[in-house]
């Protein structure tokens, strides 16, 4: 509904504020040895 009532020329803004406890936590898991993944620009430069 916010998308509908906002102006549609790329200037309509939607501000959101929410409690952190409503979001999940980042899962940090160690990857398997030998698994391929996309490297970041910093890692590629390194």
ModelCIF file with pLDDT and N, C-alpha, C, O atoms, coordinates in Angstrom:
data_MODEL
#
_entry.id   MODEL 
#
_entity.id                         1 
_entity.type                       polymer 
_entity.pdbx_number_of_molecules   1 
#
_entity_poly.entity_id                      1 
_entity_poly.type                           'polypeptide(L)' 
_entity_poly.nstd_linkage                   no 
_entity_poly.nstd_monomer                   no 
_entity_poly.pdbx_seq_one_letter_code       
;(UNK)(UNK)(UNK)(UNK)(UNK)(UNK)(UNK)(UNK)(UNK)(UNK)(UNK)(UNK)(UNK)(UNK)(UNK)(UNK)
(UNK)(UNK)(UNK)(UNK)(UNK)(UNK)(UNK)(UNK)(UNK)(UNK)(UNK)(UNK)(UNK)(UNK)(UNK)(UNK)
(UNK)(UNK)(UNK)(UNK)(UNK)(UNK)(UNK)(UNK)(UNK)(UNK)(UNK)(UNK)(UNK)(UNK)
;
_entity_poly.pdbx_seq_one_letter_code_can   XXXXXXXXXXXXXXXXXXXXXXXXXXXXXXXXXXXXXXXXXXXXXX 
_entity_poly.pdbx_strand_id                 A 
#
loop_
_entity_poly_seq.entity_id 
_entity_poly_seq.num 
_entity_poly_seq.mon_id 
_entity_poly_seq.hetero 
1 1  UNK n 
1 2  UNK n 
1 3  UNK n 
1 4  UNK n 
1 5  UNK n 
1 6  UNK n 
1 7  UNK n 
1 8  UNK n 
1 9  UNK n 
1 10 UNK n 
1 11 UNK n 
1 12 UNK n 
1 13 UNK n 
1 14 UNK n 
1 15 UNK n 
1 16 UNK n 
1 17 UNK n 
1 18 UNK n 
1 19 UNK n 
1 20 UNK n 
1 21 UNK n 
1 22 UNK n 
1 23 UNK n 
1 24 UNK n 
1 25 UNK n 
1 26 UNK n 
1 27 UNK n 
1 28 UNK n 
1 29 UNK n 
1 30 UNK n 
1 31 UNK n 
1 32 UNK n 
1 33 UNK n 
1 34 UNK n 
1 35 UNK n 
1 36 UNK n 
1 37 UNK n 
1 38 UNK n 
1 39 UNK n 
1 40 UNK n 
1 41 UNK n 
1 42 UNK n 
1 43 UNK n 
1 44 UNK n 
1 45 UNK n 
1 46 UNK n 
#
_struct_asym.id          A 
_struct_asym.entity_id   1 
#
loop_
_ma_qa_metric.id 
_ma_qa_metric.mode 
_ma_qa_metric.name 
_ma_qa_metric.software_group_id 
_ma_qa_metric.type 
1 global pLDDT . pLDDT 
2 local  pLDDT . pLDDT 
#
_ma_qa_metric_global.metric_id      1 
_ma_qa_metric_global.metric_value   75.89 
_ma_qa_metric_global.model_id       1 
_ma_qa_metric_global.ordinal_id     1 
#
loop_
_ma_qa_metric_local.label_asym_id 
_ma_qa_metric_local.label_comp_id 
_ma_qa_metric_local.label_seq_id 
_ma_qa_metric_local.metric_id 
_ma_qa_metric_local.metric_value 
_ma_qa_metric_local.model_id 
_ma_qa_metric_local.ordinal_id 
A UNK 1  2 97.00 1 1  
A UNK 2  2 97.00 1 2  
A UNK 3  2 96.00 1 3  
A UNK 4  2 96.00 1 4  
A UNK 5  2 97.00 1 5  
A UNK 6  2 97.00 1 6  
A UNK 7  2 94.00 1 7  
A UNK 8  2 86.00 1 8  
A UNK 9  2 81.00 1 9  
A UNK 10 2 85.00 1 10 
A UNK 11 2 89.00 1 11 
A UNK 12 2 94.00 1 12 
A UNK 13 2 95.00 1 13 
A UNK 14 2 97.00 1 14 
A UNK 15 2 96.00 1 15 
A UNK 16 2 97.00 1 16 
A UNK 17 2 96.00 1 17 
A UNK 18 2 95.00 1 18 
A UNK 19 2 92.00 1 19 
A UNK 20 2 92.00 1 20 
A UNK 21 2 90.00 1 21 
A UNK 22 2 93.00 1 22 
A UNK 23 2 91.00 1 23 
A UNK 24 2 81.00 1 24 
A UNK 25 2 76.00 1 25 
A UNK 26 2 65.00 1 26 
A UNK 27 2 60.00 1 27 
A UNK 28 2 53.00 1 28 
A UNK 29 2 50.00 1 29 
A UNK 30 2 45.00 1 30 
A UNK 31 2 43.00 1 31 
A UNK 32 2 45.00 1 32 
A UNK 33 2 44.00 1 33 
A UNK 34 2 46.00 1 34 
A UNK 35 2 47.00 1 35 
A UNK 36 2 51.00 1 36 
A UNK 37 2 54.00 1 37 
A UNK 38 2 60.00 1 38 
A UNK 39 2 63.00 1 39 
A UNK 40 2 65.00 1 40 
A UNK 41 2 64.00 1 41 
A UNK 42 2 68.00 1 42 
A UNK 43 2 68.00 1 43 
A UNK 44 2 68.00 1 44 
A UNK 45 2 67.00 1 45 
A UNK 46 2 65.00 1 46 
#
loop_
_atom_site.group_PDB 
_atom_site.id 
_atom_site.type_symbol 
_atom_site.label_atom_id 
_atom_site.label_alt_id 
_atom_site.label_comp_id 
_atom_site.label_asym_id 
_atom_site.label_entity_id 
_atom_site.label_seq_id 
_atom_site.pdbx_PDB_ins_code 
_atom_site.Cartn_x 
_atom_site.Cartn_y 
_atom_site.Cartn_z 
_atom_site.occupancy 
_atom_site.B_iso_or_equiv 
_atom_site.pdbx_formal_charge 
_atom_site.auth_seq_id 
_atom_site.auth_comp_id 
_atom_site.auth_asym_id 
_atom_site.auth_atom_id 
_atom_site.pdbx_PDB_model_num 
ATOM 1   N N  . UNK A 1 1  ? 0.831  -1.208  0.000   1.00 97.00 ? 1  UNK A N  1 
ATOM 2   C CA . UNK A 1 1  ? 0.000  0.000   0.000   1.00 97.00 ? 1  UNK A CA 1 
ATOM 3   C C  . UNK A 1 1  ? 0.863  1.255   0.000   1.00 97.00 ? 1  UNK A C  1 
ATOM 4   O O  . UNK A 1 1  ? 0.487  2.260   -0.603  1.00 97.00 ? 1  UNK A O  1 
ATOM 5   N N  . UNK A 1 2  ? 2.017  1.214   0.667   1.00 97.00 ? 2  UNK A N  1 
ATOM 6   C CA . UNK A 1 2  ? 2.939  2.350   0.635   1.00 97.00 ? 2  UNK A CA 1 
ATOM 7   C C  . UNK A 1 2  ? 3.466  2.577   -0.774  1.00 97.00 ? 2  UNK A C  1 
ATOM 8   O O  . UNK A 1 2  ? 3.614  3.722   -1.203  1.00 97.00 ? 2  UNK A O  1 
ATOM 9   N N  . UNK A 1 3  ? 3.750  1.497   -1.501  1.00 96.00 ? 3  UNK A N  1 
ATOM 10  C CA . UNK A 1 3  ? 4.201  1.636   -2.892  1.00 96.00 ? 3  UNK A CA 1 
ATOM 11  C C  . UNK A 1 3  ? 3.125  2.308   -3.739  1.00 96.00 ? 3  UNK A C  1 
ATOM 12  O O  . UNK A 1 3  ? 3.440  3.109   -4.620  1.00 96.00 ? 3  UNK A O  1 
ATOM 13  N N  . UNK A 1 4  ? 1.867  1.991   -3.482  1.00 96.00 ? 4  UNK A N  1 
ATOM 14  C CA . UNK A 1 4  ? 0.774  2.558   -4.283  1.00 96.00 ? 4  UNK A CA 1 
ATOM 15  C C  . UNK A 1 4  ? 0.630  4.062   -4.069  1.00 96.00 ? 4  UNK A C  1 
ATOM 16  O O  . UNK A 1 4  ? 0.435  4.797   -5.036  1.00 96.00 ? 4  UNK A O  1 
ATOM 17  N N  . UNK A 1 5  ? 0.721  4.535   -2.831  1.00 97.00 ? 5  UNK A N  1 
ATOM 18  C CA . UNK A 1 5  ? 0.435  5.949   -2.546  1.00 97.00 ? 5  UNK A CA 1 
ATOM 19  C C  . UNK A 1 5  ? 1.654  6.842   -2.773  1.00 97.00 ? 5  UNK A C  1 
ATOM 20  O O  . UNK A 1 5  ? 1.507  8.063   -2.825  1.00 97.00 ? 5  UNK A O  1 
ATOM 21  N N  . UNK A 1 6  ? 2.857  6.268   -2.911  1.00 97.00 ? 6  UNK A N  1 
ATOM 22  C CA . UNK A 1 6  ? 4.049  7.079   -3.123  1.00 97.00 ? 6  UNK A CA 1 
ATOM 23  C C  . UNK A 1 6  ? 4.166  7.488   -4.588  1.00 97.00 ? 6  UNK A C  1 
ATOM 24  O O  . UNK A 1 6  ? 3.670  6.801   -5.480  1.00 97.00 ? 6  UNK A O  1 
ATOM 25  N N  . UNK A 1 7  ? 4.828  8.615   -4.818  1.00 94.00 ? 7  UNK A N  1 
ATOM 26  C CA . UNK A 1 7  ? 5.048  9.104   -6.172  1.00 94.00 ? 7  UNK A CA 1 
ATOM 27  C C  . UNK A 1 7  ? 5.939  8.129   -6.937  1.00 94.00 ? 7  UNK A C  1 
ATOM 28  O O  . UNK A 1 7  ? 6.810  7.491   -6.345  1.00 94.00 ? 7  UNK A O  1 
ATOM 29  N N  . UNK A 1 8  ? 5.728  8.009   -8.245  1.00 86.00 ? 8  UNK A N  1 
ATOM 30  C CA . UNK A 1 8  ? 6.401  6.966   -9.004  1.00 86.00 ? 8  UNK A CA 1 
ATOM 31  C C  . UNK A 1 8  ? 7.477  7.436   -9.934  1.00 86.00 ? 8  UNK A C  1 
ATOM 32  O O  . UNK A 1 8  ? 7.718  6.793   -10.955 1.00 86.00 ? 8  UNK A O  1 
ATOM 33  N N  . UNK A 1 9  ? 8.148  8.549   -9.624  1.00 81.00 ? 9  UNK A N  1 
ATOM 34  C CA . UNK A 1 9  ? 9.195  9.049   -10.498 1.00 81.00 ? 9  UNK A CA 1 
ATOM 35  C C  . UNK A 1 9  ? 10.585 8.778   -9.934  1.00 81.00 ? 9  UNK A C  1 
ATOM 36  O O  . UNK A 1 9  ? 11.546 9.451   -10.306 1.00 81.00 ? 9  UNK A O  1 
ATOM 37  N N  . UNK A 1 10 ? 10.699 7.807   -9.046  1.00 85.00 ? 10 UNK A N  1 
ATOM 38  C CA . UNK A 1 10 ? 11.981 7.479   -8.452  1.00 85.00 ? 10 UNK A CA 1 
ATOM 39  C C  . UNK A 1 10 ? 12.358 8.359   -7.290  1.00 85.00 ? 10 UNK A C  1 
ATOM 40  O O  . UNK A 1 10 ? 13.493 8.292   -6.818  1.00 85.00 ? 10 UNK A O  1 
ATOM 41  N N  . UNK A 1 11 ? 11.422 9.206   -6.798  1.00 89.00 ? 11 UNK A N  1 
ATOM 42  C CA . UNK A 1 11 ? 11.724 10.096  -5.684  1.00 89.00 ? 11 UNK A CA 1 
ATOM 43  C C  . UNK A 1 11 ? 10.903 9.793   -4.438  1.00 89.00 ? 11 UNK A C  1 
ATOM 44  O O  . UNK A 1 11 ? 11.186 10.338  -3.371  1.00 89.00 ? 11 UNK A O  1 
ATOM 45  N N  . UNK A 1 12 ? 9.909  8.948   -4.550  1.00 94.00 ? 12 UNK A N  1 
ATOM 46  C CA . UNK A 1 12 ? 9.115  8.590   -3.383  1.00 94.00 ? 12 UNK A CA 1 
ATOM 47  C C  . UNK A 1 12 ? 9.917  7.755   -2.401  1.00 94.00 ? 12 UNK A C  1 
ATOM 48  O O  . UNK A 1 12 ? 10.494 6.739   -2.787  1.00 94.00 ? 12 UNK A O  1 
ATOM 49  N N  . UNK A 1 13 ? 9.965  8.162   -1.139  1.00 95.00 ? 13 UNK A N  1 
ATOM 50  C CA . UNK A 1 13 ? 10.801 7.508   -0.129  1.00 95.00 ? 13 UNK A CA 1 
ATOM 51  C C  . UNK A 1 13 ? 9.933  6.804   0.923   1.00 95.00 ? 13 UNK A C  1 
ATOM 52  O O  . UNK A 1 13 ? 8.855  7.276   1.285   1.00 95.00 ? 13 UNK A O  1 
ATOM 53  N N  . UNK A 1 14 ? 10.436 5.675   1.393   1.00 97.00 ? 14 UNK A N  1 
ATOM 54  C CA . UNK A 1 14 ? 9.775  4.899   2.449   1.00 97.00 ? 14 UNK A CA 1 
ATOM 55  C C  . UNK A 1 14 ? 10.777 4.707   3.587   1.00 97.00 ? 14 UNK A C  1 
ATOM 56  O O  . UNK A 1 14 ? 11.809 4.059   3.414   1.00 97.00 ? 14 UNK A O  1 
ATOM 57  N N  . UNK A 1 15 ? 10.462 5.278   4.750   1.00 96.00 ? 15 UNK A N  1 
ATOM 58  C CA . UNK A 1 15 ? 11.332 5.178   5.921   1.00 96.00 ? 15 UNK A CA 1 
ATOM 59  C C  . UNK A 1 15 ? 10.780 4.111   6.856   1.00 96.00 ? 15 UNK A C  1 
ATOM 60  O O  . UNK A 1 15 ? 9.593  4.101   7.182   1.00 96.00 ? 15 UNK A O  1 
ATOM 61  N N  . UNK A 1 16 ? 11.665 3.215   7.279   1.00 97.00 ? 16 UNK A N  1 
ATOM 62  C CA . UNK A 1 16 ? 11.264 2.099   8.131   1.00 97.00 ? 16 UNK A CA 1 
ATOM 63  C C  . UNK A 1 16 ? 12.156 2.050   9.360   1.00 97.00 ? 16 UNK A C  1 
ATOM 64  O O  . UNK A 1 16 ? 13.375 2.190   9.263   1.00 97.00 ? 16 UNK A O  1 
ATOM 65  N N  . UNK A 1 17 ? 11.540 1.851   10.511  1.00 96.00 ? 17 UNK A N  1 
ATOM 66  C CA . UNK A 1 17 ? 12.265 1.650   11.766  1.00 96.00 ? 17 UNK A CA 1 
ATOM 67  C C  . UNK A 1 17 ? 11.620 0.472   12.487  1.00 96.00 ? 17 UNK A C  1 
ATOM 68  O O  . UNK A 1 17 ? 10.412 0.464   12.722  1.00 96.00 ? 17 UNK A O  1 
ATOM 69  N N  . UNK A 1 18 ? 12.440 -0.529  12.838  1.00 95.00 ? 18 UNK A N  1 
ATOM 70  C CA . UNK A 1 18 ? 11.909 -1.729  13.493  1.00 95.00 ? 18 UNK A CA 1 
ATOM 71  C C  . UNK A 1 18 ? 12.847 -2.203  14.597  1.00 95.00 ? 18 UNK A C  1 
ATOM 72  O O  . UNK A 1 18 ? 14.029 -1.861  14.632  1.00 95.00 ? 18 UNK A O  1 
ATOM 73  N N  . UNK A 1 19 ? 12.281 -3.001  15.495  1.00 92.00 ? 19 UNK A N  1 
ATOM 74  C CA . UNK A 1 19 ? 13.037 -3.544  16.621  1.00 92.00 ? 19 UNK A CA 1 
ATOM 75  C C  . UNK A 1 19 ? 13.977 -4.644  16.119  1.00 92.00 ? 19 UNK A C  1 
ATOM 76  O O  . UNK A 1 19 ? 13.580 -5.472  15.299  1.00 92.00 ? 19 UNK A O  1 
ATOM 77  N N  . UNK A 1 20 ? 15.202 -4.655  16.602  1.00 92.00 ? 20 UNK A N  1 
ATOM 78  C CA . UNK A 1 20 ? 16.184 -5.638  16.139  1.00 92.00 ? 20 UNK A CA 1 
ATOM 79  C C  . UNK A 1 20 ? 15.792 -7.068  16.479  1.00 92.00 ? 20 UNK A C  1 
ATOM 80  O O  . UNK A 1 20 ? 16.119 -8.000  15.743  1.00 92.00 ? 20 UNK A O  1 
ATOM 81  N N  . UNK A 1 21 ? 15.099 -7.238  17.581  1.00 90.00 ? 21 UNK A N  1 
ATOM 82  C CA . UNK A 1 21 ? 14.725 -8.598  17.995  1.00 90.00 ? 21 UNK A CA 1 
ATOM 83  C C  . UNK A 1 21 ? 13.760 -9.254  17.028  1.00 90.00 ? 21 UNK A C  1 
ATOM 84  O O  . UNK A 1 21 ? 13.578 -10.470 17.081  1.00 90.00 ? 21 UNK A O  1 
ATOM 85  N N  . UNK A 1 22 ? 13.133 -8.482  16.142  1.00 93.00 ? 22 UNK A N  1 
ATOM 86  C CA . UNK A 1 22 ? 12.201 -9.061  15.173  1.00 93.00 ? 22 UNK A CA 1 
ATOM 87  C C  . UNK A 1 22 ? 12.925 -9.663  13.970  1.00 93.00 ? 22 UNK A C  1 
ATOM 88  O O  . UNK A 1 22 ? 12.332 -10.427 13.208  1.00 93.00 ? 22 UNK A O  1 
ATOM 89  N N  . UNK A 1 23 ? 14.197 -9.325  13.797  1.00 91.00 ? 23 UNK A N  1 
ATOM 90  C CA . UNK A 1 23 ? 14.984 -9.871  12.699  1.00 91.00 ? 23 UNK A CA 1 
ATOM 91  C C  . UNK A 1 23 ? 15.759 -11.097 13.184  1.00 91.00 ? 23 UNK A C  1 
ATOM 92  O O  . UNK A 1 23 ? 15.910 -11.328 14.384  1.00 91.00 ? 23 UNK A O  1 
ATOM 93  N N  . UNK A 1 24 ? 16.245 -11.872 12.217  1.00 81.00 ? 24 UNK A N  1 
ATOM 94  C CA . UNK A 1 24 ? 17.061 -13.026 12.563  1.00 81.00 ? 24 UNK A CA 1 
ATOM 95  C C  . UNK A 1 24 ? 18.515 -12.636 12.755  1.00 81.00 ? 24 UNK A C  1 
ATOM 96  O O  . UNK A 1 24 ? 18.898 -11.484 12.552  1.00 81.00 ? 24 UNK A O  1 
ATOM 97  N N  . UNK A 1 25 ? 19.305 -13.597 13.141  1.00 76.00 ? 25 UNK A N  1 
ATOM 98  C CA . UNK A 1 25 ? 20.744 -13.410 13.326  1.00 76.00 ? 25 UNK A CA 1 
ATOM 99  C C  . UNK A 1 25 ? 21.487 -13.974 12.125  1.00 76.00 ? 25 UNK A C  1 
ATOM 100 O O  . UNK A 1 25 ? 21.033 -14.921 11.483  1.00 76.00 ? 25 UNK A O  1 
ATOM 101 N N  . UNK A 1 26 ? 22.638 -13.374 11.832  1.00 65.00 ? 26 UNK A N  1 
ATOM 102 C CA . UNK A 1 26 ? 23.465 -13.845 10.724  1.00 65.00 ? 26 UNK A CA 1 
ATOM 103 C C  . UNK A 1 26 ? 24.090 -15.182 11.096  1.00 65.00 ? 26 UNK A C  1 
ATOM 104 O O  . UNK A 1 26 ? 24.696 -15.321 12.159  1.00 65.00 ? 26 UNK A O  1 
ATOM 105 N N  . UNK A 1 27 ? 23.936 -16.172 10.206  1.00 60.00 ? 27 UNK A N  1 
ATOM 106 C CA . UNK A 1 27 ? 24.526 -17.491 10.444  1.00 60.00 ? 27 UNK A CA 1 
ATOM 107 C C  . UNK A 1 27 ? 25.945 -17.508 9.900   1.00 60.00 ? 27 UNK A C  1 
ATOM 108 O O  . UNK A 1 27 ? 26.169 -17.355 8.699   1.00 60.00 ? 27 UNK A O  1 
ATOM 109 N N  . UNK A 1 28 ? 26.892 -17.694 10.798  1.00 53.00 ? 28 UNK A N  1 
ATOM 110 C CA . UNK A 1 28 ? 28.293 -17.712 10.392  1.00 53.00 ? 28 UNK A CA 1 
ATOM 111 C C  . UNK A 1 28 ? 28.812 -19.140 10.506  1.00 53.00 ? 28 UNK A C  1 
ATOM 112 O O  . UNK A 1 28 ? 29.042 -19.637 11.609  1.00 53.00 ? 28 UNK A O  1 
ATOM 113 N N  . UNK A 1 29 ? 28.994 -19.794 9.372   1.00 50.00 ? 29 UNK A N  1 
ATOM 114 C CA . UNK A 1 29 ? 29.453 -21.177 9.341   1.00 50.00 ? 29 UNK A CA 1 
ATOM 115 C C  . UNK A 1 29 ? 30.746 -21.261 8.523   1.00 50.00 ? 29 UNK A C  1 
ATOM 116 O O  . UNK A 1 29 ? 30.905 -20.581 7.509   1.00 50.00 ? 29 UNK A O  1 
ATOM 117 N N  . UNK A 1 30 ? 31.641 -22.094 8.979   1.00 45.00 ? 30 UNK A N  1 
ATOM 118 C CA . UNK A 1 30 ? 32.889 -22.286 8.258   1.00 45.00 ? 30 UNK A CA 1 
ATOM 119 C C  . UNK A 1 30 ? 32.649 -23.190 7.050   1.00 45.00 ? 30 UNK A C  1 
ATOM 120 O O  . UNK A 1 30 ? 32.044 -24.256 7.160   1.00 45.00 ? 30 UNK A O  1 
ATOM 121 N N  . UNK A 1 31 ? 33.136 -22.738 5.898   1.00 43.00 ? 31 UNK A N  1 
ATOM 122 C CA . UNK A 1 31 ? 32.891 -23.499 4.676   1.00 43.00 ? 31 UNK A CA 1 
ATOM 123 C C  . UNK A 1 31 ? 33.757 -24.755 4.641   1.00 43.00 ? 31 UNK A C  1 
ATOM 124 O O  . UNK A 1 31 ? 34.778 -24.858 5.321   1.00 43.00 ? 31 UNK A O  1 
ATOM 125 N N  . UNK A 1 32 ? 33.314 -25.693 3.830   1.00 45.00 ? 32 UNK A N  1 
ATOM 126 C CA . UNK A 1 32 ? 34.093 -26.917 3.668   1.00 45.00 ? 32 UNK A CA 1 
ATOM 127 C C  . UNK A 1 32 ? 35.386 -26.617 2.911   1.00 45.00 ? 32 UNK A C  1 
ATOM 128 O O  . UNK A 1 32 ? 35.424 -25.749 2.040   1.00 45.00 ? 32 UNK A O  1 
ATOM 129 N N  . UNK A 1 33 ? 36.437 -27.346 3.259   1.00 44.00 ? 33 UNK A N  1 
ATOM 130 C CA . UNK A 1 33 ? 37.716 -27.153 2.601   1.00 44.00 ? 33 UNK A CA 1 
ATOM 131 C C  . UNK A 1 33 ? 37.579 -27.558 1.130   1.00 44.00 ? 33 UNK A C  1 
ATOM 132 O O  . UNK A 1 33 ? 37.098 -28.648 0.821   1.00 44.00 ? 33 UNK A O  1 
ATOM 133 N N  . UNK A 1 34 ? 38.002 -26.680 0.242   1.00 46.00 ? 34 UNK A N  1 
ATOM 134 C CA . UNK A 1 34 ? 37.914 -26.976 -1.188  1.00 46.00 ? 34 UNK A CA 1 
ATOM 135 C C  . UNK A 1 34 ? 36.658 -26.451 -1.827  1.00 46.00 ? 34 UNK A C  1 
ATOM 136 O O  . UNK A 1 34 ? 36.533 -26.496 -3.051  1.00 46.00 ? 34 UNK A O  1 
ATOM 137 N N  . UNK A 1 35 ? 35.695 -25.939 -1.025  1.00 47.00 ? 35 UNK A N  1 
ATOM 138 C CA . UNK A 1 35 ? 34.461 -25.421 -1.602  1.00 47.00 ? 35 UNK A CA 1 
ATOM 139 C C  . UNK A 1 35 ? 34.734 -24.101 -2.315  1.00 47.00 ? 35 UNK A C  1 
ATOM 140 O O  . UNK A 1 35 ? 35.468 -23.250 -1.812  1.00 47.00 ? 35 UNK A O  1 
ATOM 141 N N  . UNK A 1 36 ? 34.150 -23.948 -3.463  1.00 51.00 ? 36 UNK A N  1 
ATOM 142 C CA . UNK A 1 36 ? 34.343 -22.742 -4.243  1.00 51.00 ? 36 UNK A CA 1 
ATOM 143 C C  . UNK A 1 36 ? 33.265 -21.721 -3.906  1.00 51.00 ? 36 UNK A C  1 
ATOM 144 O O  . UNK A 1 36 ? 32.115 -22.068 -3.634  1.00 51.00 ? 36 UNK A O  1 
ATOM 145 N N  . UNK A 1 37 ? 33.653 -20.494 -3.930  1.00 54.00 ? 37 UNK A N  1 
ATOM 146 C CA . UNK A 1 37 ? 32.693 -19.417 -3.693  1.00 54.00 ? 37 UNK A CA 1 
ATOM 147 C C  . UNK A 1 37 ? 33.169 -18.202 -4.475  1.00 54.00 ? 37 UNK A C  1 
ATOM 148 O O  . UNK A 1 37 ? 34.304 -18.153 -4.949  1.00 54.00 ? 37 UNK A O  1 
ATOM 149 N N  . UNK A 1 38 ? 32.291 -17.235 -4.599  1.00 60.00 ? 38 UNK A N  1 
ATOM 150 C CA . UNK A 1 38 ? 32.639 -16.014 -5.322  1.00 60.00 ? 38 UNK A CA 1 
ATOM 151 C C  . UNK A 1 38 ? 33.475 -15.120 -4.425  1.00 60.00 ? 38 UNK A C  1 
ATOM 152 O O  . UNK A 1 38 ? 33.089 -14.828 -3.293  1.00 60.00 ? 38 UNK A O  1 
ATOM 153 N N  . UNK A 1 39 ? 34.610 -14.689 -4.927  1.00 63.00 ? 39 UNK A N  1 
ATOM 154 C CA . UNK A 1 39 ? 35.494 -13.850 -4.145  1.00 63.00 ? 39 UNK A CA 1 
ATOM 155 C C  . UNK A 1 39 ? 35.113 -12.385 -4.292  1.00 63.00 ? 39 UNK A C  1 
ATOM 156 O O  . UNK A 1 39 ? 34.623 -11.942 -5.331  1.00 63.00 ? 39 UNK A O  1 
ATOM 157 N N  . UNK A 1 40 ? 35.353 -11.664 -3.231  1.00 65.00 ? 40 UNK A N  1 
ATOM 158 C CA . UNK A 1 40 ? 35.113 -10.227 -3.283  1.00 65.00 ? 40 UNK A CA 1 
ATOM 159 C C  . UNK A 1 40 ? 36.246 -9.534  -4.021  1.00 65.00 ? 40 UNK A C  1 
ATOM 160 O O  . UNK A 1 40 ? 37.282 -10.138 -4.300  1.00 65.00 ? 40 UNK A O  1 
ATOM 161 N N  . UNK A 1 41 ? 36.039 -8.248  -4.337  1.00 64.00 ? 41 UNK A N  1 
ATOM 162 C CA . UNK A 1 41 ? 37.067 -7.485  -5.051  1.00 64.00 ? 41 UNK A CA 1 
ATOM 163 C C  . UNK A 1 41 ? 38.335 -7.356  -4.214  1.00 64.00 ? 41 UNK A C  1 
ATOM 164 O O  . UNK A 1 41 ? 39.445 -7.400  -4.745  1.00 64.00 ? 41 UNK A O  1 
ATOM 165 N N  . UNK A 1 42 ? 38.163 -7.199  -2.913  1.00 68.00 ? 42 UNK A N  1 
ATOM 166 C CA . UNK A 1 42 ? 39.331 -7.061  -2.040  1.00 68.00 ? 42 UNK A CA 1 
ATOM 167 C C  . UNK A 1 42 ? 40.130 -8.353  -2.005  1.00 68.00 ? 42 UNK A C  1 
ATOM 168 O O  . UNK A 1 42 ? 41.361 -8.341  -2.009  1.00 68.00 ? 42 UNK A O  1 
ATOM 169 N N  . UNK A 1 43 ? 39.395 -9.490  -1.969  1.00 68.00 ? 43 UNK A N  1 
ATOM 170 C CA . UNK A 1 43 ? 40.088 -10.780 -1.944  1.00 68.00 ? 43 UNK A CA 1 
ATOM 171 C C  . UNK A 1 43 ? 40.795 -11.039 -3.273  1.00 68.00 ? 43 UNK A C  1 
ATOM 172 O O  . UNK A 1 43 ? 41.902 -11.577 -3.305  1.00 68.00 ? 43 UNK A O  1 
ATOM 173 N N  . UNK A 1 44 ? 40.138 -10.648 -4.374  1.00 68.00 ? 44 UNK A N  1 
ATOM 174 C CA . UNK A 1 44 ? 40.773 -10.842 -5.679  1.00 68.00 ? 44 UNK A CA 1 
ATOM 175 C C  . UNK A 1 44 ? 42.030 -9.990  -5.799  1.00 68.00 ? 44 UNK A C  1 
ATOM 176 O O  . UNK A 1 44 ? 43.045 -10.428 -6.341  1.00 68.00 ? 44 UNK A O  1 
ATOM 177 N N  . UNK A 1 45 ? 41.948 -8.772  -5.287  1.00 67.00 ? 45 UNK A N  1 
ATOM 178 C CA . UNK A 1 45 ? 43.117 -7.890  -5.332  1.00 67.00 ? 45 UNK A CA 1 
ATOM 179 C C  . UNK A 1 45 ? 44.246 -8.446  -4.494  1.00 67.00 ? 45 UNK A C  1 
ATOM 180 O O  . UNK A 1 45 ? 45.412 -8.360  -4.878  1.00 67.00 ? 45 UNK A O  1 
ATOM 181 N N  . UNK A 1 46 ? 43.900 -9.023  -3.337  1.00 65.00 ? 46 UNK A N  1 
ATOM 182 C CA . UNK A 1 46 ? 44.890 -9.605  -2.456  1.00 65.00 ? 46 UNK A CA 1 
ATOM 183 C C  . UNK A 1 46 ? 45.541 -10.820 -3.103  1.00 65.00 ? 46 UNK A C  1 
ATOM 184 O O  . UNK A 1 46 ? 46.412 -11.448 -2.500  1.00 65.00 ? 46 UNK A O  1 
#
